[in-house]
Amino acid sequence: MLPLRSEARTRRFPAATAALVLLCLAAFAVELRLGARLPALLAEHALVPARVLGPDPLGVGPFRLLAATAVSMFLHAGWLHLGGNLLFLWVFGGPVEGALGARRHLALYFLSGLAAAAAHLAMSPRSGLPMVGASGAIAGLLAAYLVLYPRARISGVSMLGFFAWWSRTPAWLYLPFWALLQLVSALLARPDAGGIAWWAHLGGFLAGAPLLLLLRPRRARR
């Protein structure tokens, strides 16, 4: 199912989520302007496992590693990649921001992105391809949403071949099934091959719930 709307609503406009959306759009606009120069810049500044884990890790240290992860978190491989990520970010990020507040929401997003990058490095250490996309960070928001709103229904378009229909699925069913698909896809994919960074999705998702419990305001935890 392609999610389009969440039953979990917030009283305030999700400003931090909107800012993340705009940053991803701005980064993609820069990618389009770079054109043929983009691959060289990605190889230099994005997260490339073989370079990060090589004999001279980034040439500097942890700061450069964090910078490469942050750069990768806002870049996308195409319109479909960008559109899918921003759709998930908007549908699930707003309710999570409503529960956490803007600052904690951003912390959850970036820390989930770091966990996703760590999972990708661990499972594809020899890959010479740059990892790009906000999927891992967004996966952390999905896990947080599942903990916060397990009974909320997610509305969207379900598809089977040429057939499509509108459906409403509870989060406790939809999001674990999404995570299971990521796991199956990761197990079937060839290590160090290009394409989707399935293990990054799983790393971000697994980090989301613990990070939520850590970042959630004390009153809300009680």
N, C-alpha and C. Protein backbone atom coordinates (compact mmCIF):
# COMPACT_ATOMS: atom_id res chain seq x y z
N MET A 1 0.83 -1.19 0.00
CA MET A 1 0.00 0.00 0.00
C MET A 1 0.87 1.25 0.00
N LEU A 2 0.50 2.20 -0.81
CA LEU A 2 1.17 3.49 -0.84
C LEU A 2 0.44 4.42 0.13
N PRO A 3 1.06 4.76 1.27
CA PRO A 3 0.34 5.56 2.28
C PRO A 3 0.16 7.00 1.83
N LEU A 4 -1.04 7.52 2.05
CA LEU A 4 -1.35 8.89 1.66
C LEU A 4 -1.86 9.74 2.81
N ARG A 5 -2.37 9.08 3.86
CA ARG A 5 -2.93 9.85 4.97
C ARG A 5 -2.90 9.01 6.25
N SER A 6 -2.69 9.69 7.36
CA SER A 6 -2.68 9.03 8.65
C SER A 6 -3.84 9.54 9.51
N GLU A 7 -4.46 8.64 10.27
CA GLU A 7 -5.52 9.06 11.17
C GLU A 7 -4.97 9.84 12.36
N ALA A 8 -3.73 9.61 12.70
CA ALA A 8 -3.10 10.32 13.82
C ALA A 8 -2.81 11.75 13.39
N ARG A 9 -3.52 12.69 13.95
CA ARG A 9 -3.38 14.09 13.55
C ARG A 9 -2.71 14.90 14.67
N THR A 10 -2.16 16.03 14.31
CA THR A 10 -1.55 16.93 15.29
C THR A 10 -2.26 18.28 15.25
N ARG A 11 -2.23 18.97 16.38
CA ARG A 11 -2.89 20.26 16.46
C ARG A 11 -2.10 21.35 15.76
N ARG A 12 -0.79 21.23 15.78
CA ARG A 12 0.06 22.26 15.18
C ARG A 12 0.63 21.79 13.85
N PHE A 13 0.94 22.77 13.03
CA PHE A 13 1.58 22.45 11.76
C PHE A 13 2.96 21.85 12.03
N PRO A 14 3.30 20.72 11.40
CA PRO A 14 4.60 20.07 11.65
C PRO A 14 5.75 20.81 10.96
N ALA A 15 6.21 21.87 11.59
CA ALA A 15 7.19 22.74 10.96
C ALA A 15 8.52 22.02 10.71
N ALA A 16 8.96 21.20 11.66
CA ALA A 16 10.25 20.51 11.49
C ALA A 16 10.17 19.50 10.34
N THR A 17 9.05 18.80 10.25
CA THR A 17 8.86 17.85 9.14
C THR A 17 8.85 18.59 7.81
N ALA A 18 8.16 19.71 7.77
CA ALA A 18 8.12 20.51 6.54
C ALA A 18 9.51 21.00 6.18
N ALA A 19 10.32 21.38 7.19
CA ALA A 19 11.68 21.83 6.92
C ALA A 19 12.53 20.71 6.33
N LEU A 20 12.36 19.48 6.83
CA LEU A 20 13.10 18.35 6.27
C LEU A 20 12.70 18.10 4.82
N VAL A 21 11.41 18.21 4.55
CA VAL A 21 10.94 18.05 3.17
C VAL A 21 11.58 19.08 2.26
N LEU A 22 11.59 20.34 2.70
CA LEU A 22 12.16 21.40 1.89
C LEU A 22 13.67 21.22 1.69
N LEU A 23 14.36 20.75 2.71
CA LEU A 23 15.80 20.51 2.58
C LEU A 23 16.08 19.42 1.55
N CYS A 24 15.28 18.35 1.58
CA CYS A 24 15.45 17.29 0.59
C CYS A 24 15.18 17.80 -0.82
N LEU A 25 14.15 18.63 -0.97
CA LEU A 25 13.84 19.20 -2.28
C LEU A 25 14.96 20.12 -2.75
N ALA A 26 15.49 20.93 -1.84
CA ALA A 26 16.57 21.84 -2.20
C ALA A 26 17.82 21.07 -2.60
N ALA A 27 18.13 20.00 -1.86
CA ALA A 27 19.31 19.19 -2.19
C ALA A 27 19.14 18.53 -3.56
N PHE A 28 17.91 18.09 -3.86
CA PHE A 28 17.68 17.46 -5.17
C PHE A 28 17.80 18.47 -6.30
N ALA A 29 17.36 19.70 -6.05
CA ALA A 29 17.51 20.75 -7.05
C ALA A 29 18.99 21.00 -7.34
N VAL A 30 19.82 20.96 -6.29
CA VAL A 30 21.27 21.12 -6.49
C VAL A 30 21.81 19.96 -7.31
N GLU A 31 21.34 18.74 -7.01
CA GLU A 31 21.77 17.57 -7.78
C GLU A 31 21.47 17.74 -9.27
N LEU A 32 20.27 18.24 -9.57
CA LEU A 32 19.89 18.43 -10.96
C LEU A 32 20.77 19.47 -11.64
N ARG A 33 21.13 20.50 -10.92
CA ARG A 33 21.98 21.56 -11.50
C ARG A 33 23.40 21.05 -11.74
N LEU A 34 23.87 20.14 -10.91
CA LEU A 34 25.25 19.65 -11.05
C LEU A 34 25.42 18.80 -12.30
N GLY A 35 24.39 18.05 -12.65
CA GLY A 35 24.45 17.25 -13.86
C GLY A 35 25.59 16.24 -13.85
N ALA A 36 26.47 16.32 -14.84
CA ALA A 36 27.54 15.33 -15.00
C ALA A 36 28.58 15.41 -13.89
N ARG A 37 28.61 16.52 -13.15
CA ARG A 37 29.59 16.64 -12.06
C ARG A 37 29.14 15.93 -10.79
N LEU A 38 27.88 15.49 -10.74
CA LEU A 38 27.33 14.91 -9.52
C LEU A 38 28.05 13.65 -9.07
N PRO A 39 28.32 12.64 -9.95
CA PRO A 39 28.97 11.41 -9.47
C PRO A 39 30.29 11.66 -8.74
N ALA A 40 31.10 12.57 -9.25
CA ALA A 40 32.39 12.85 -8.62
C ALA A 40 32.19 13.46 -7.23
N LEU A 41 31.22 14.34 -7.10
CA LEU A 41 30.97 14.96 -5.81
C LEU A 41 30.40 13.96 -4.81
N LEU A 42 29.54 13.04 -5.29
CA LEU A 42 29.02 12.01 -4.41
C LEU A 42 30.14 11.10 -3.91
N ALA A 43 31.03 10.73 -4.81
CA ALA A 43 32.14 9.87 -4.42
C ALA A 43 33.02 10.53 -3.37
N GLU A 44 33.08 11.85 -3.41
CA GLU A 44 33.94 12.59 -2.49
C GLU A 44 33.26 12.89 -1.16
N HIS A 45 31.98 13.23 -1.20
CA HIS A 45 31.33 13.75 0.01
C HIS A 45 30.24 12.86 0.59
N ALA A 46 29.68 11.92 -0.18
CA ALA A 46 28.64 11.05 0.35
C ALA A 46 29.26 9.86 1.08
N LEU A 47 28.42 9.03 1.66
CA LEU A 47 28.89 7.88 2.44
C LEU A 47 29.18 6.71 1.51
N VAL A 48 30.48 6.40 1.34
CA VAL A 48 30.92 5.28 0.50
C VAL A 48 31.61 4.27 1.42
N PRO A 49 31.01 3.11 1.68
CA PRO A 49 31.57 2.17 2.65
C PRO A 49 33.03 1.81 2.42
N ALA A 50 33.41 1.52 1.17
CA ALA A 50 34.80 1.10 0.91
C ALA A 50 35.79 2.20 1.29
N ARG A 51 35.38 3.46 1.15
CA ARG A 51 36.28 4.55 1.51
C ARG A 51 36.27 4.80 3.01
N VAL A 52 35.09 4.69 3.61
CA VAL A 52 34.97 4.92 5.05
C VAL A 52 35.72 3.85 5.83
N LEU A 53 35.63 2.60 5.39
CA LEU A 53 36.23 1.49 6.13
C LEU A 53 37.56 1.05 5.55
N GLY A 54 38.12 1.83 4.63
CA GLY A 54 39.39 1.47 4.01
C GLY A 54 40.57 1.75 4.92
N PRO A 55 41.78 1.62 4.38
CA PRO A 55 42.99 1.82 5.19
C PRO A 55 43.14 3.24 5.71
N ASP A 56 42.53 4.20 5.03
CA ASP A 56 42.61 5.60 5.47
C ASP A 56 41.18 6.13 5.59
N PRO A 57 40.45 5.78 6.66
CA PRO A 57 39.03 6.10 6.78
C PRO A 57 38.75 7.59 6.67
N LEU A 58 38.33 7.99 5.50
CA LEU A 58 37.94 9.37 5.20
C LEU A 58 39.09 10.35 5.34
N GLY A 59 40.26 9.85 5.71
CA GLY A 59 41.41 10.72 5.81
C GLY A 59 41.40 11.62 7.02
N VAL A 60 40.30 11.70 7.76
CA VAL A 60 40.25 12.62 8.89
C VAL A 60 39.79 11.90 10.15
N GLY A 61 38.54 11.49 10.20
CA GLY A 61 38.05 10.86 11.41
C GLY A 61 36.55 10.94 11.53
N PRO A 62 36.04 10.88 12.76
CA PRO A 62 34.60 10.78 12.97
C PRO A 62 33.80 11.97 12.46
N PHE A 63 34.39 13.17 12.51
CA PHE A 63 33.65 14.34 12.04
C PHE A 63 33.33 14.21 10.56
N ARG A 64 34.30 13.77 9.78
CA ARG A 64 34.08 13.59 8.34
C ARG A 64 33.06 12.49 8.08
N LEU A 65 33.09 11.44 8.92
CA LEU A 65 32.11 10.36 8.77
C LEU A 65 30.70 10.88 9.03
N LEU A 66 30.53 11.67 10.08
CA LEU A 66 29.22 12.25 10.38
C LEU A 66 28.77 13.18 9.25
N ALA A 67 29.70 13.95 8.72
CA ALA A 67 29.37 14.87 7.63
C ALA A 67 28.92 14.10 6.39
N ALA A 68 29.62 13.00 6.07
CA ALA A 68 29.25 12.19 4.91
C ALA A 68 27.87 11.58 5.09
N THR A 69 27.57 11.13 6.32
CA THR A 69 26.25 10.56 6.59
C THR A 69 25.17 11.62 6.45
N ALA A 70 25.43 12.81 6.97
CA ALA A 70 24.44 13.88 6.88
C ALA A 70 24.18 14.28 5.43
N VAL A 71 25.25 14.35 4.63
CA VAL A 71 25.09 14.68 3.21
C VAL A 71 24.23 13.62 2.52
N SER A 72 24.54 12.35 2.77
CA SER A 72 23.81 11.26 2.13
C SER A 72 22.34 11.25 2.50
N MET A 73 22.04 11.74 3.70
CA MET A 73 20.68 11.70 4.22
C MET A 73 19.72 12.60 3.45
N PHE A 74 20.24 13.56 2.70
CA PHE A 74 19.38 14.50 2.00
C PHE A 74 19.45 14.36 0.48
N LEU A 75 20.27 13.45 -0.02
CA LEU A 75 20.39 13.26 -1.46
C LEU A 75 19.53 12.09 -1.91
N HIS A 76 19.10 12.11 -3.18
CA HIS A 76 18.26 11.05 -3.71
C HIS A 76 18.67 10.70 -5.14
N ALA A 77 18.34 9.46 -5.51
CA ALA A 77 18.81 8.93 -6.78
C ALA A 77 17.89 9.24 -7.95
N GLY A 78 16.76 9.86 -7.72
CA GLY A 78 15.85 10.18 -8.81
C GLY A 78 14.51 10.67 -8.27
N TRP A 79 13.63 11.04 -9.20
CA TRP A 79 12.34 11.59 -8.80
C TRP A 79 11.51 10.59 -8.01
N LEU A 80 11.51 9.33 -8.43
CA LEU A 80 10.71 8.31 -7.74
C LEU A 80 11.23 8.07 -6.33
N HIS A 81 12.54 8.00 -6.20
CA HIS A 81 13.18 7.83 -4.90
C HIS A 81 12.82 9.01 -3.98
N LEU A 82 12.95 10.20 -4.50
CA LEU A 82 12.64 11.40 -3.72
C LEU A 82 11.16 11.43 -3.34
N GLY A 83 10.27 11.22 -4.33
CA GLY A 83 8.84 11.32 -4.05
C GLY A 83 8.36 10.30 -3.04
N GLY A 84 8.84 9.07 -3.15
CA GLY A 84 8.43 8.05 -2.18
C GLY A 84 8.88 8.37 -0.78
N ASN A 85 10.13 8.82 -0.63
CA ASN A 85 10.63 9.16 0.69
C ASN A 85 9.88 10.34 1.30
N LEU A 86 9.64 11.36 0.51
CA LEU A 86 8.96 12.54 1.05
C LEU A 86 7.51 12.23 1.41
N LEU A 87 6.89 11.34 0.68
CA LEU A 87 5.52 10.94 1.01
C LEU A 87 5.49 10.25 2.38
N PHE A 88 6.38 9.30 2.60
CA PHE A 88 6.44 8.62 3.89
C PHE A 88 6.81 9.60 5.00
N LEU A 89 7.75 10.49 4.72
CA LEU A 89 8.17 11.47 5.71
C LEU A 89 7.00 12.35 6.15
N TRP A 90 6.20 12.80 5.20
CA TRP A 90 5.09 13.70 5.52
C TRP A 90 3.96 12.97 6.26
N VAL A 91 3.62 11.78 5.80
CA VAL A 91 2.51 11.03 6.40
C VAL A 91 2.82 10.63 7.83
N PHE A 92 4.04 10.13 8.07
CA PHE A 92 4.38 9.60 9.39
C PHE A 92 5.14 10.59 10.27
N GLY A 93 5.86 11.52 9.63
CA GLY A 93 6.67 12.44 10.42
C GLY A 93 5.85 13.45 11.21
N GLY A 94 4.77 13.96 10.61
CA GLY A 94 3.95 14.95 11.31
C GLY A 94 3.41 14.47 12.64
N PRO A 95 2.75 13.31 12.70
CA PRO A 95 2.26 12.81 13.98
C PRO A 95 3.37 12.56 15.00
N VAL A 96 4.52 12.06 14.55
CA VAL A 96 5.63 11.85 15.48
C VAL A 96 6.12 13.19 16.03
N GLU A 97 6.22 14.19 15.17
CA GLU A 97 6.62 15.51 15.63
C GLU A 97 5.61 16.07 16.63
N GLY A 98 4.32 15.80 16.42
CA GLY A 98 3.31 16.27 17.35
C GLY A 98 3.48 15.69 18.73
N ALA A 99 3.99 14.46 18.82
CA ALA A 99 4.19 13.81 20.11
C ALA A 99 5.50 14.22 20.77
N LEU A 100 6.52 14.48 19.96
CA LEU A 100 7.85 14.75 20.50
C LEU A 100 8.20 16.23 20.60
N GLY A 101 7.63 17.04 19.73
CA GLY A 101 8.10 18.41 19.58
C GLY A 101 9.17 18.46 18.50
N ALA A 102 9.42 19.65 18.00
CA ALA A 102 10.29 19.79 16.83
C ALA A 102 11.72 19.34 17.10
N ARG A 103 12.31 19.76 18.22
CA ARG A 103 13.72 19.44 18.46
C ARG A 103 13.95 17.95 18.66
N ARG A 104 13.11 17.33 19.47
CA ARG A 104 13.26 15.89 19.69
C ARG A 104 12.97 15.10 18.41
N HIS A 105 12.03 15.60 17.64
CA HIS A 105 11.71 14.96 16.37
C HIS A 105 12.92 14.98 15.44
N LEU A 106 13.60 16.11 15.34
CA LEU A 106 14.79 16.21 14.50
C LEU A 106 15.90 15.32 15.03
N ALA A 107 16.04 15.26 16.36
CA ALA A 107 17.06 14.38 16.93
C ALA A 107 16.78 12.92 16.58
N LEU A 108 15.52 12.52 16.67
CA LEU A 108 15.15 11.15 16.31
C LEU A 108 15.47 10.88 14.85
N TYR A 109 15.17 11.84 13.99
CA TYR A 109 15.41 11.68 12.56
C TYR A 109 16.90 11.48 12.27
N PHE A 110 17.73 12.36 12.80
CA PHE A 110 19.16 12.29 12.49
C PHE A 110 19.83 11.07 13.14
N LEU A 111 19.45 10.74 14.37
CA LEU A 111 20.03 9.57 15.03
C LEU A 111 19.61 8.28 14.33
N SER A 112 18.38 8.23 13.85
CA SER A 112 17.95 7.07 13.07
C SER A 112 18.75 6.97 11.78
N GLY A 113 19.03 8.12 11.17
CA GLY A 113 19.87 8.13 9.97
C GLY A 113 21.26 7.60 10.24
N LEU A 114 21.82 7.94 11.39
CA LEU A 114 23.15 7.42 11.76
C LEU A 114 23.10 5.91 11.96
N ALA A 115 22.04 5.43 12.62
CA ALA A 115 21.89 3.99 12.82
C ALA A 115 21.75 3.27 11.49
N ALA A 116 21.01 3.89 10.56
CA ALA A 116 20.86 3.30 9.23
C ALA A 116 22.21 3.23 8.51
N ALA A 117 23.00 4.28 8.61
CA ALA A 117 24.32 4.29 7.98
C ALA A 117 25.22 3.22 8.58
N ALA A 118 25.16 3.05 9.91
CA ALA A 118 25.97 2.04 10.57
C ALA A 118 25.58 0.64 10.11
N ALA A 119 24.28 0.40 9.94
CA ALA A 119 23.82 -0.91 9.47
C ALA A 119 24.31 -1.17 8.04
N HIS A 120 24.25 -0.14 7.21
CA HIS A 120 24.70 -0.28 5.83
C HIS A 120 26.20 -0.55 5.77
N LEU A 121 26.97 0.13 6.59
CA LEU A 121 28.41 -0.09 6.61
C LEU A 121 28.74 -1.50 7.08
N ALA A 122 27.99 -1.98 8.08
CA ALA A 122 28.25 -3.31 8.61
C ALA A 122 27.93 -4.41 7.61
N MET A 123 26.88 -4.22 6.81
CA MET A 123 26.44 -5.27 5.91
C MET A 123 27.02 -5.15 4.50
N SER A 124 27.52 -3.97 4.14
CA SER A 124 28.11 -3.78 2.80
C SER A 124 29.44 -3.05 2.92
N PRO A 125 30.40 -3.63 3.66
CA PRO A 125 31.65 -2.89 3.93
C PRO A 125 32.53 -2.66 2.72
N ARG A 126 32.38 -3.47 1.67
CA ARG A 126 33.26 -3.34 0.51
C ARG A 126 32.62 -2.58 -0.64
N SER A 127 31.42 -2.08 -0.44
CA SER A 127 30.73 -1.38 -1.52
C SER A 127 31.43 -0.07 -1.87
N GLY A 128 31.65 0.13 -3.15
CA GLY A 128 32.25 1.38 -3.61
C GLY A 128 31.22 2.38 -4.08
N LEU A 129 29.94 2.09 -3.85
CA LEU A 129 28.87 2.99 -4.27
C LEU A 129 28.44 3.89 -3.13
N PRO A 130 28.16 5.15 -3.41
CA PRO A 130 27.68 6.05 -2.35
C PRO A 130 26.26 5.69 -1.93
N MET A 131 26.00 5.75 -0.63
CA MET A 131 24.65 5.54 -0.13
C MET A 131 23.95 6.88 -0.06
N VAL A 132 22.80 6.99 -0.71
CA VAL A 132 22.05 8.24 -0.67
C VAL A 132 20.60 7.95 -0.35
N GLY A 133 19.95 8.92 0.26
CA GLY A 133 18.53 8.78 0.54
C GLY A 133 18.20 8.97 2.01
N ALA A 134 16.98 9.45 2.25
CA ALA A 134 16.51 9.68 3.61
C ALA A 134 15.78 8.47 4.18
N SER A 135 15.76 7.36 3.45
CA SER A 135 14.94 6.21 3.83
C SER A 135 15.27 5.69 5.22
N GLY A 136 16.56 5.58 5.57
CA GLY A 136 16.92 5.05 6.87
C GLY A 136 16.44 5.92 8.00
N ALA A 137 16.61 7.25 7.85
CA ALA A 137 16.13 8.17 8.89
C ALA A 137 14.61 8.11 8.99
N ILE A 138 13.92 8.03 7.86
CA ILE A 138 12.46 7.97 7.86
C ILE A 138 11.99 6.66 8.47
N ALA A 139 12.74 5.58 8.27
CA ALA A 139 12.37 4.30 8.87
C ALA A 139 12.33 4.40 10.40
N GLY A 140 13.21 5.21 10.97
CA GLY A 140 13.15 5.44 12.41
C GLY A 140 11.86 6.11 12.82
N LEU A 141 11.37 7.03 11.99
CA LEU A 141 10.08 7.68 12.28
C LEU A 141 8.93 6.69 12.18
N LEU A 142 9.02 5.73 11.25
CA LEU A 142 7.98 4.72 11.13
C LEU A 142 7.88 3.89 12.41
N ALA A 143 9.03 3.49 12.95
CA ALA A 143 9.02 2.71 14.19
C ALA A 143 8.45 3.53 15.34
N ALA A 144 8.82 4.80 15.40
CA ALA A 144 8.29 5.67 16.44
C ALA A 144 6.78 5.83 16.31
N TYR A 145 6.32 5.97 15.09
CA TYR A 145 4.87 6.07 14.83
C TYR A 145 4.16 4.80 15.31
N LEU A 146 4.76 3.65 15.05
CA LEU A 146 4.16 2.38 15.45
C LEU A 146 3.99 2.31 16.97
N VAL A 147 4.98 2.78 17.70
CA VAL A 147 4.89 2.77 19.16
C VAL A 147 3.86 3.79 19.65
N LEU A 148 3.83 4.94 19.04
CA LEU A 148 2.95 6.02 19.49
C LEU A 148 1.49 5.79 19.11
N TYR A 149 1.26 5.30 17.90
CA TYR A 149 -0.11 5.20 17.37
C TYR A 149 -0.36 3.82 16.76
N PRO A 150 -0.25 2.75 17.52
CA PRO A 150 -0.37 1.41 16.93
C PRO A 150 -1.75 1.14 16.32
N ARG A 151 -2.80 1.78 16.85
CA ARG A 151 -4.15 1.51 16.36
C ARG A 151 -4.61 2.50 15.29
N ALA A 152 -3.83 3.54 15.05
CA ALA A 152 -4.22 4.51 14.03
C ALA A 152 -4.22 3.84 12.66
N ARG A 153 -5.21 4.18 11.87
CA ARG A 153 -5.30 3.59 10.54
C ARG A 153 -4.59 4.48 9.52
N ILE A 154 -3.94 3.82 8.59
CA ILE A 154 -3.21 4.50 7.52
C ILE A 154 -3.98 4.27 6.23
N SER A 155 -4.35 5.34 5.57
CA SER A 155 -5.12 5.25 4.33
C SER A 155 -4.20 5.43 3.13
N GLY A 156 -4.48 4.68 2.09
CA GLY A 156 -3.67 4.80 0.89
C GLY A 156 -4.17 3.90 -0.22
N VAL A 157 -3.38 3.78 -1.25
CA VAL A 157 -3.75 3.01 -2.43
C VAL A 157 -3.02 1.67 -2.39
N SER A 158 -3.78 0.59 -2.38
CA SER A 158 -3.21 -0.76 -2.47
C SER A 158 -3.24 -1.21 -3.92
N MET A 159 -2.21 -1.93 -4.31
CA MET A 159 -2.09 -2.35 -5.71
C MET A 159 -1.74 -3.82 -5.81
N LEU A 160 -2.33 -4.48 -6.77
CA LEU A 160 -2.01 -5.86 -7.09
C LEU A 160 -2.08 -6.00 -8.60
N GLY A 161 -0.91 -6.02 -9.23
CA GLY A 161 -0.87 -6.04 -10.68
C GLY A 161 -1.45 -4.75 -11.24
N PHE A 162 -2.46 -4.89 -12.10
CA PHE A 162 -3.10 -3.72 -12.70
C PHE A 162 -4.27 -3.20 -11.85
N PHE A 163 -4.57 -3.85 -10.76
CA PHE A 163 -5.72 -3.47 -9.93
C PHE A 163 -5.26 -2.60 -8.76
N ALA A 164 -6.02 -1.54 -8.49
CA ALA A 164 -5.71 -0.64 -7.38
C ALA A 164 -7.00 -0.29 -6.66
N TRP A 165 -6.92 -0.13 -5.35
CA TRP A 165 -8.10 0.23 -4.56
C TRP A 165 -7.66 0.99 -3.31
N TRP A 166 -8.60 1.78 -2.78
CA TRP A 166 -8.35 2.56 -1.56
C TRP A 166 -8.52 1.66 -0.35
N SER A 167 -7.58 1.70 0.57
CA SER A 167 -7.65 0.84 1.74
C SER A 167 -7.22 1.59 3.00
N ARG A 168 -7.64 1.08 4.14
CA ARG A 168 -7.28 1.64 5.45
C ARG A 168 -6.75 0.50 6.30
N THR A 169 -5.50 0.61 6.70
CA THR A 169 -4.83 -0.47 7.42
C THR A 169 -4.29 0.06 8.75
N PRO A 170 -4.49 -0.66 9.86
CA PRO A 170 -3.94 -0.19 11.13
C PRO A 170 -2.42 -0.24 11.14
N ALA A 171 -1.82 0.69 11.87
CA ALA A 171 -0.35 0.78 11.90
C ALA A 171 0.28 -0.50 12.41
N TRP A 172 -0.37 -1.17 13.39
CA TRP A 172 0.22 -2.39 13.96
C TRP A 172 0.34 -3.51 12.93
N LEU A 173 -0.42 -3.42 11.85
CA LEU A 173 -0.33 -4.41 10.78
C LEU A 173 0.55 -3.92 9.64
N TYR A 174 0.36 -2.68 9.23
CA TYR A 174 1.06 -2.16 8.06
C TYR A 174 2.57 -2.03 8.28
N LEU A 175 2.97 -1.43 9.40
CA LEU A 175 4.39 -1.12 9.59
C LEU A 175 5.25 -2.35 9.88
N PRO A 176 4.81 -3.32 10.71
CA PRO A 176 5.61 -4.56 10.82
C PRO A 176 5.71 -5.31 9.50
N PHE A 177 4.63 -5.28 8.69
CA PHE A 177 4.70 -5.93 7.39
C PHE A 177 5.71 -5.21 6.49
N TRP A 178 5.74 -3.87 6.57
CA TRP A 178 6.74 -3.10 5.81
C TRP A 178 8.15 -3.52 6.23
N ALA A 179 8.38 -3.64 7.54
CA ALA A 179 9.70 -4.03 8.04
C ALA A 179 10.05 -5.45 7.58
N LEU A 180 9.07 -6.34 7.57
CA LEU A 180 9.32 -7.71 7.12
C LEU A 180 9.73 -7.73 5.64
N LEU A 181 9.10 -6.90 4.84
CA LEU A 181 9.48 -6.80 3.43
C LEU A 181 10.92 -6.34 3.27
N GLN A 182 11.33 -5.39 4.12
CA GLN A 182 12.72 -4.92 4.05
C GLN A 182 13.69 -6.05 4.40
N LEU A 183 13.32 -6.85 5.41
CA LEU A 183 14.20 -7.94 5.82
C LEU A 183 14.31 -9.00 4.72
N VAL A 184 13.19 -9.39 4.16
CA VAL A 184 13.21 -10.39 3.09
C VAL A 184 14.03 -9.88 1.90
N SER A 185 13.81 -8.61 1.54
CA SER A 185 14.54 -8.03 0.42
C SER A 185 16.03 -7.97 0.71
N ALA A 186 16.40 -7.65 1.96
CA ALA A 186 17.82 -7.58 2.32
C ALA A 186 18.46 -8.95 2.24
N LEU A 187 17.75 -9.98 2.68
CA LEU A 187 18.31 -11.33 2.66
C LEU A 187 18.46 -11.87 1.24
N LEU A 188 17.59 -11.42 0.33
CA LEU A 188 17.65 -11.90 -1.05
C LEU A 188 18.63 -11.12 -1.92
N ALA A 189 18.98 -9.90 -1.49
CA ALA A 189 19.86 -9.06 -2.30
C ALA A 189 21.31 -9.54 -2.21
N ARG A 190 22.07 -9.31 -3.26
CA ARG A 190 23.49 -9.66 -3.25
C ARG A 190 24.27 -8.64 -2.43
N PRO A 191 25.17 -9.09 -1.56
CA PRO A 191 25.98 -8.15 -0.78
C PRO A 191 26.80 -7.23 -1.70
N ASP A 192 26.93 -6.01 -1.30
CA ASP A 192 27.74 -5.01 -2.00
C ASP A 192 27.23 -4.70 -3.40
N ALA A 193 26.00 -5.13 -3.71
CA ALA A 193 25.43 -4.79 -5.01
C ALA A 193 24.76 -3.43 -4.92
N GLY A 194 24.56 -2.81 -6.05
CA GLY A 194 23.88 -1.51 -6.06
C GLY A 194 22.39 -1.69 -5.84
N GLY A 195 21.68 -0.58 -5.87
CA GLY A 195 20.24 -0.64 -5.66
C GLY A 195 19.85 -0.10 -4.31
N ILE A 196 18.78 -0.63 -3.76
CA ILE A 196 18.23 -0.13 -2.50
C ILE A 196 19.04 -0.64 -1.32
N ALA A 197 19.32 0.24 -0.36
CA ALA A 197 20.07 -0.13 0.85
C ALA A 197 19.09 -0.68 1.89
N TRP A 198 18.72 -1.97 1.70
CA TRP A 198 17.69 -2.57 2.56
C TRP A 198 18.13 -2.60 4.02
N TRP A 199 19.40 -2.91 4.26
CA TRP A 199 19.86 -3.00 5.65
C TRP A 199 19.84 -1.64 6.33
N ALA A 200 20.01 -0.58 5.58
CA ALA A 200 19.90 0.76 6.15
C ALA A 200 18.47 1.01 6.62
N HIS A 201 17.49 0.57 5.83
CA HIS A 201 16.09 0.70 6.25
C HIS A 201 15.86 -0.01 7.58
N LEU A 202 16.37 -1.24 7.68
CA LEU A 202 16.18 -2.02 8.89
C LEU A 202 16.91 -1.41 10.07
N GLY A 203 18.11 -0.90 9.83
CA GLY A 203 18.86 -0.26 10.91
C GLY A 203 18.14 0.94 11.47
N GLY A 204 17.60 1.78 10.58
CA GLY A 204 16.84 2.94 11.06
C GLY A 204 15.58 2.53 11.79
N PHE A 205 14.89 1.51 11.27
CA PHE A 205 13.65 1.06 11.90
C PHE A 205 13.90 0.49 13.29
N LEU A 206 14.94 -0.32 13.43
CA LEU A 206 15.24 -0.93 14.72
C LEU A 206 15.68 0.11 15.75
N ALA A 207 16.25 1.21 15.27
CA ALA A 207 16.69 2.26 16.19
C ALA A 207 15.55 3.17 16.62
N GLY A 208 14.47 3.23 15.82
CA GLY A 208 13.42 4.21 16.05
C GLY A 208 12.73 4.10 17.39
N ALA A 209 12.32 2.88 17.78
CA ALA A 209 11.60 2.72 19.04
C ALA A 209 12.46 3.04 20.27
N PRO A 210 13.69 2.49 20.38
CA PRO A 210 14.53 2.87 21.52
C PRO A 210 14.81 4.37 21.58
N LEU A 211 15.04 4.98 20.43
CA LEU A 211 15.29 6.42 20.41
C LEU A 211 14.06 7.19 20.86
N LEU A 212 12.89 6.74 20.47
CA LEU A 212 11.66 7.39 20.91
C LEU A 212 11.55 7.35 22.43
N LEU A 213 11.78 6.19 23.02
CA LEU A 213 11.68 6.07 24.48
C LEU A 213 12.73 6.93 25.18
N LEU A 214 13.87 7.09 24.54
CA LEU A 214 14.93 7.91 25.13
C LEU A 214 14.62 9.39 25.02
N LEU A 215 14.06 9.81 23.88
CA LEU A 215 13.85 11.23 23.60
C LEU A 215 12.50 11.76 24.06
N ARG A 216 11.55 10.88 24.28
CA ARG A 216 10.20 11.32 24.62
C ARG A 216 10.22 12.13 25.91
N PRO A 217 9.46 13.22 25.97
CA PRO A 217 9.43 14.02 27.20
C PRO A 217 9.07 13.19 28.41
N ARG A 218 9.65 13.52 29.58
CA ARG A 218 9.47 12.72 30.78
C ARG A 218 8.00 12.55 31.14
N ARG A 219 7.22 13.61 31.02
CA ARG A 219 5.81 13.53 31.36
C ARG A 219 5.08 12.54 30.46
N ALA A 220 5.46 12.52 29.17
CA ALA A 220 4.84 11.60 28.23
C ALA A 220 5.22 10.17 28.53
N ARG A 221 6.49 9.95 28.97
CA ARG A 221 6.93 8.59 29.31
C ARG A 221 6.14 8.04 30.47
N ARG A 222 5.86 8.91 31.48
CA ARG A 222 5.06 8.45 32.61
C ARG A 222 3.64 8.11 32.16
